[in-house]
C-alpha cells in the first residue's frame, strides 16, 4: 500500500494470531511496519497485560500484505476519540 509493509510467507485463516504488534509497551516489527487500510485483514486484540496481537479477520494467503486499521489500535490504547464505524 505505502511505506515498508509486512508480507506473509504463509497463509492464515480467520481467527489465527498473525503475530504480536506491541509487547511490553514497545512496537514489534509487525506493529511498526504493517500498513493501514480501511479494509484491513487483521485486527488488534489487547491482552489483559496490555500487549496487542494482530489476529486474522479475513483469509490471508502467502504473499499478501498484512493490513490493519491504525484507528482501531489507537482506540485500544485510548488515543482515538472518534467512534469507529
C-alpha atoms as a PDB file:
ATOM      1  CA  UNK A   1       0.000   0.000   0.000  1.00  0.00           C
ATOM      2  CA  UNK A   2       2.633   2.515   1.151  1.00  0.00           C
ATOM      3  CA  UNK A   3       5.742   2.526   3.294  1.00  0.00           C
ATOM      4  CA  UNK A   4       7.736  -0.608   4.001  1.00  0.00           C
ATOM      5  CA  UNK A   5       4.904  -3.082   4.592  1.00  0.00           C
ATOM      6  CA  UNK A   6       4.801  -6.596   6.002  1.00  0.00           C
ATOM      7  CA  UNK A   7       4.118  -9.561   3.737  1.00  0.00           C
ATOM      8  CA  UNK A   8       3.211 -13.111   4.761  1.00  0.00           C
ATOM      9  CA  UNK A   9       5.341 -16.094   3.939  1.00  0.00           C
ATOM     10  CA  UNK A  10       2.448 -18.397   4.924  1.00  0.00           C
ATOM     11  CA  UNK A  11      -1.344 -18.334   4.846  1.00  0.00           C
ATOM     12  CA  UNK A  12      -3.619 -17.517   7.787  1.00  0.00           C
ATOM     13  CA  UNK A  13      -7.234 -18.435   8.415  1.00  0.00           C
ATOM     14  CA  UNK A  14      -9.771 -16.212  10.181  1.00  0.00           C
ATOM     15  CA  UNK A  15      -9.142 -16.194  13.932  1.00  0.00           C
ATOM     16  CA  UNK A  16      -5.463 -17.142  13.762  1.00  0.00           C
ATOM     17  CA  UNK A  17      -2.934 -14.936  15.521  1.00  0.00           C
ATOM     18  CA  UNK A  18      -0.634 -13.462  12.896  1.00  0.00           C
ATOM     19  CA  UNK A  19       1.806 -12.082  15.465  1.00  0.00           C
ATOM     20  CA  UNK A  20       2.479  -9.641  18.258  1.00  0.00           C
ATOM     21  CA  UNK A  21       2.160  -5.945  17.380  1.00  0.00           C
ATOM     22  CA  UNK A  22       3.089  -4.438  20.744  1.00  0.00           C
ATOM     23  CA  UNK A  23       4.829  -6.195  23.633  1.00  0.00           C
ATOM     24  CA  UNK A  24       5.649  -4.601  26.983  1.00  0.00           C
ATOM     25  CA  UNK A  25       4.764  -1.173  25.602  1.00  0.00           C
ATOM     26  CA  UNK A  26       7.061  -1.475  22.570  1.00  0.00           C
ATOM     27  CA  UNK A  27       6.079  -1.980  18.943  1.00  0.00           C
ATOM     28  CA  UNK A  28       7.310  -5.142  17.277  1.00  0.00           C
ATOM     29  CA  UNK A  29       8.366  -5.281  13.605  1.00  0.00           C
ATOM     30  CA  UNK A  30       4.741  -6.211  12.809  1.00  0.00           C
ATOM     31  CA  UNK A  31       3.366  -3.282  14.804  1.00  0.00           C
ATOM     32  CA  UNK A  32       5.865  -0.870  13.295  1.00  0.00           C
ATOM     33  CA  UNK A  33       5.837  -1.826   9.611  1.00  0.00           C
ATOM     34  CA  UNK A  34       2.337  -3.137   8.842  1.00  0.00           C
ATOM     35  CA  UNK A  35       0.411  -0.574   6.808  1.00  0.00           C
ATOM     36  CA  UNK A  36      -3.011   0.971   7.446  1.00  0.00           C
ATOM     37  CA  UNK A  37      -6.088   0.144   5.397  1.00  0.00           C
ATOM     38  CA  UNK A  38      -9.784   0.961   5.602  1.00  0.00           C
ATOM     39  CA  UNK A  39     -10.260  -2.703   4.599  1.00  0.00           C
ATOM     40  CA  UNK A  40      -7.809  -4.451   6.955  1.00  0.00           C
ATOM     41  CA  UNK A  41      -7.141  -8.187   7.001  1.00  0.00           C
ATOM     42  CA  UNK A  42      -6.143  -8.201  10.694  1.00  0.00           C
ATOM     43  CA  UNK A  43      -7.475  -6.554  13.806  1.00  0.00           C
ATOM     44  CA  UNK A  44      -5.740  -5.828  17.070  1.00  0.00           C
ATOM     45  CA  UNK A  45      -6.657  -7.827  20.151  1.00  0.00           C
ATOM     46  CA  UNK A  46      -5.497  -6.479  23.510  1.00  0.00           C
ATOM     47  CA  UNK A  47      -4.407  -8.953  26.171  1.00  0.00           C
ATOM     48  CA  UNK A  48      -5.059  -8.324  29.880  1.00  0.00           C
ATOM     49  CA  UNK A  49      -1.449  -7.168  30.374  1.00  0.00           C
ATOM     50  CA  UNK A  50      -1.753  -4.585  27.586  1.00  0.00           C
ATOM     51  CA  UNK A  51       0.061  -6.440  24.803  1.00  0.00           C
ATOM     52  CA  UNK A  52      -1.502  -6.166  21.325  1.00  0.00           C
ATOM     53  CA  UNK A  53      -1.707  -9.025  18.847  1.00  0.00           C
ATOM     54  CA  UNK A  54      -2.740  -8.945  15.197  1.00  0.00           C
ATOM     55  CA  UNK A  55      -5.468 -11.513  14.518  1.00  0.00           C
ATOM     56  CA  UNK A  56      -6.638 -12.522  11.036  1.00  0.00           C
ATOM     57  CA  UNK A  57     -10.176 -11.280  10.227  1.00  0.00           C
ATOM     58  CA  UNK A  58     -10.261 -12.418   6.585  1.00  0.00           C
ATOM     59  CA  UNK A  59      -8.260 -15.090   4.835  1.00  0.00           C
ATOM     60  CA  UNK A  60      -4.648 -14.133   4.170  1.00  0.00           C
ATOM     61  CA  UNK A  61      -2.649 -16.006   1.561  1.00  0.00           C
ATOM     62  CA  UNK A  62       1.119 -16.383   1.391  1.00  0.00           C
ATOM     63  CA  UNK A  63       2.487 -13.260  -0.290  1.00  0.00           C
ATOM     64  CA  UNK A  64      -0.380 -10.995   0.886  1.00  0.00           C
ATOM     65  CA  UNK A  65       0.393  -7.785   2.739  1.00  0.00           C
ATOM     66  CA  UNK A  66      -0.702  -7.509   6.379  1.00  0.00           C
ATOM     67  CA  UNK A  67      -3.044  -4.521   6.700  1.00  0.00           C
ATOM     68  CA  UNK A  68      -4.516  -3.131   9.898  1.00  0.00           C
ATOM     69  CA  UNK A  69      -6.631  -0.162  10.921  1.00  0.00           C
ATOM     70  CA  UNK A  70      -4.433   2.242  12.897  1.00  0.00           C
ATOM     71  CA  UNK A  71      -7.571   3.811  14.406  1.00  0.00           C
ATOM     72  CA  UNK A  72      -8.586   0.511  15.970  1.00  0.00           C
ATOM     73  CA  UNK A  73      -5.177   0.117  17.607  1.00  0.00           C
ATOM     74  CA  UNK A  74      -5.252   3.713  18.866  1.00  0.00           C
ATOM     75  CA  UNK A  75      -8.753   3.162  20.277  1.00  0.00           C
ATOM     76  CA  UNK A  76      -7.487   0.168  22.276  1.00  0.00           C
ATOM     77  CA  UNK A  77      -4.820   2.439  23.764  1.00  0.00           C
ATOM     78  CA  UNK A  78      -7.358   5.203  24.450  1.00  0.00           C
ATOM     79  CA  UNK A  79      -5.728   7.568  21.932  1.00  0.00           C
ATOM     80  CA  UNK A  80      -8.555   7.758  19.399  1.00  0.00           C
ATOM     81  CA  UNK A  81     -11.720   9.676  20.217  1.00  0.00           C
ATOM     82  CA  UNK A  82     -13.731   9.294  17.002  1.00  0.00           C
ATOM     83  CA  UNK A  83     -16.288   6.483  17.017  1.00  0.00           C
ATOM     84  CA  UNK A  84     -15.175   3.539  14.879  1.00  0.00           C
ATOM     85  CA  UNK A  85     -17.527   2.587  12.092  1.00  0.00           C
END
